[in-house]
Amino acid sequence: MTKADIVNEISKNTGVEKVIVQKTVEAFMESIKDSLADGTNVYLRGFGSFIVKKRAEKTARNISKNTTIKIPAHNIPAFKPAKTFVGDVKKVK
């Protein structure tokens, strides 16, 4: 399912114009992205959590040059689904 499919589905179910739904979906995703960029987690009860995970510094190997490199500590975005969400997905065949 693409973003356009989501917009079409919401518009069909609510009767709201696609342009308004498009702006709403874009604003929703932008607010989640901004929160995660600021280091703030987003919790949506019954759906899941958009969280920031911290990765520690580690040593890796560059196989082509046969050298070691340091990968600095960094943050990555992640999604953790709610238990009810996981249960609903497991029921689908």
Protein backbone atom coordinates (compact mmCIF):
# COMPACT_ATOMS: atom_id res chain seq x y z
CA MET A 1 0.00 0.00 0.00
CA THR A 2 1.37 3.38 -0.99
CA LYS A 3 0.74 6.83 0.44
CA ALA A 4 -1.67 7.50 -2.44
CA ASP A 5 -3.58 4.32 -1.57
CA ILE A 6 -3.84 5.45 2.05
CA VAL A 7 -5.14 8.87 0.97
CA ASN A 8 -7.71 7.25 -1.34
CA GLU A 9 -8.88 4.85 1.38
CA ILE A 10 -9.27 7.59 4.01
CA SER A 11 -11.04 9.85 1.53
CA LYS A 12 -13.44 7.06 0.54
CA ASN A 13 -14.19 6.10 4.17
CA THR A 14 -14.65 9.63 5.53
CA GLY A 15 -16.02 11.53 2.54
CA VAL A 16 -13.32 14.21 2.92
CA GLU A 17 -11.70 15.55 -0.24
CA LYS A 18 -8.44 13.88 -1.30
CA VAL A 19 -6.53 17.18 -1.26
CA ILE A 20 -7.38 17.76 2.41
CA VAL A 21 -6.58 14.15 3.33
CA GLN A 22 -3.26 14.43 1.45
CA LYS A 23 -2.28 17.53 3.43
CA THR A 24 -3.32 15.85 6.69
CA VAL A 25 -1.29 12.69 5.99
CA GLU A 26 1.73 14.79 4.97
CA ALA A 27 1.45 16.90 8.14
CA PHE A 28 1.13 13.74 10.28
CA MET A 29 4.25 12.18 8.79
CA GLU A 30 6.18 15.45 9.03
CA SER A 31 5.32 15.84 12.72
CA ILE A 32 6.50 12.28 13.46
CA LYS A 33 9.72 12.90 11.52
CA ASP A 34 10.36 16.19 13.34
CA SER A 35 9.74 14.59 16.75
CA LEU A 36 12.17 11.75 16.03
CA ALA A 37 14.77 14.21 14.70
CA ASP A 38 14.51 16.06 18.03
CA GLY A 39 15.00 12.76 19.90
CA THR A 40 11.39 12.56 21.11
CA ASN A 41 9.54 9.26 20.77
CA VAL A 42 5.97 9.15 19.39
CA TYR A 43 3.47 6.82 21.08
CA LEU A 44 0.20 5.92 19.33
CA ARG A 45 -1.88 3.79 21.69
CA GLY A 46 -3.21 0.65 19.98
CA PHE A 47 -0.98 1.15 16.93
CA GLY A 48 2.65 1.35 18.04
CA SER A 49 5.58 3.56 18.88
CA PHE A 50 8.01 5.42 16.65
CA ILE A 51 11.20 5.44 18.67
CA VAL A 52 14.80 6.60 18.39
CA LYS A 53 17.33 3.81 18.93
CA LYS A 54 20.90 4.60 19.89
CA ARG A 55 23.63 2.62 18.16
CA ALA A 56 26.97 2.39 19.96
CA GLU A 57 30.31 3.04 18.27
CA LYS A 58 31.73 -0.08 16.67
CA THR A 59 34.68 -1.29 14.65
CA ALA A 60 34.05 -2.67 11.15
CA ARG A 61 36.25 -4.01 8.37
CA ASN A 62 36.69 -2.70 4.86
CA ILE A 63 37.24 -6.00 3.06
CA SER A 64 38.44 -4.50 -0.23
CA LYS A 65 41.24 -2.49 1.45
CA ASN A 66 41.75 -4.94 4.35
CA THR A 67 41.52 -2.16 6.94
CA THR A 68 39.45 -1.48 10.02
CA ILE A 69 37.21 1.55 10.32
CA LYS A 70 35.35 3.09 13.24
CA ILE A 71 31.62 3.62 12.84
CA PRO A 72 30.64 6.42 15.24
CA ALA A 73 27.70 6.20 17.62
CA HIS A 74 24.46 7.32 15.97
CA ASN A 75 20.69 7.29 16.31
CA ILE A 76 18.26 5.50 14.00
CA PRO A 77 14.46 5.63 13.77
CA ALA A 78 12.51 2.46 14.53
CA PHE A 79 8.91 1.32 14.83
CA LYS A 80 7.64 -0.98 17.58
CA PRO A 81 4.07 -2.20 16.95
CA ALA A 82 1.55 -2.45 19.79
CA LYS A 83 0.57 -5.90 21.07
CA THR A 84 -2.95 -5.57 19.65
CA PHE A 85 -1.51 -4.59 16.28
CA VAL A 86 0.79 -7.63 16.25
CA GLY A 87 -2.13 -9.86 17.27
CA ASP A 88 -4.28 -8.56 14.43
CA VAL A 89 -1.51 -9.15 11.87
CA LYS A 90 -0.88 -12.68 13.14
CA LYS A 91 -4.56 -13.57 12.60
CA VAL A 92 -4.39 -12.68 8.90
CA LYS A 93 -3.66 -15.65 6.64
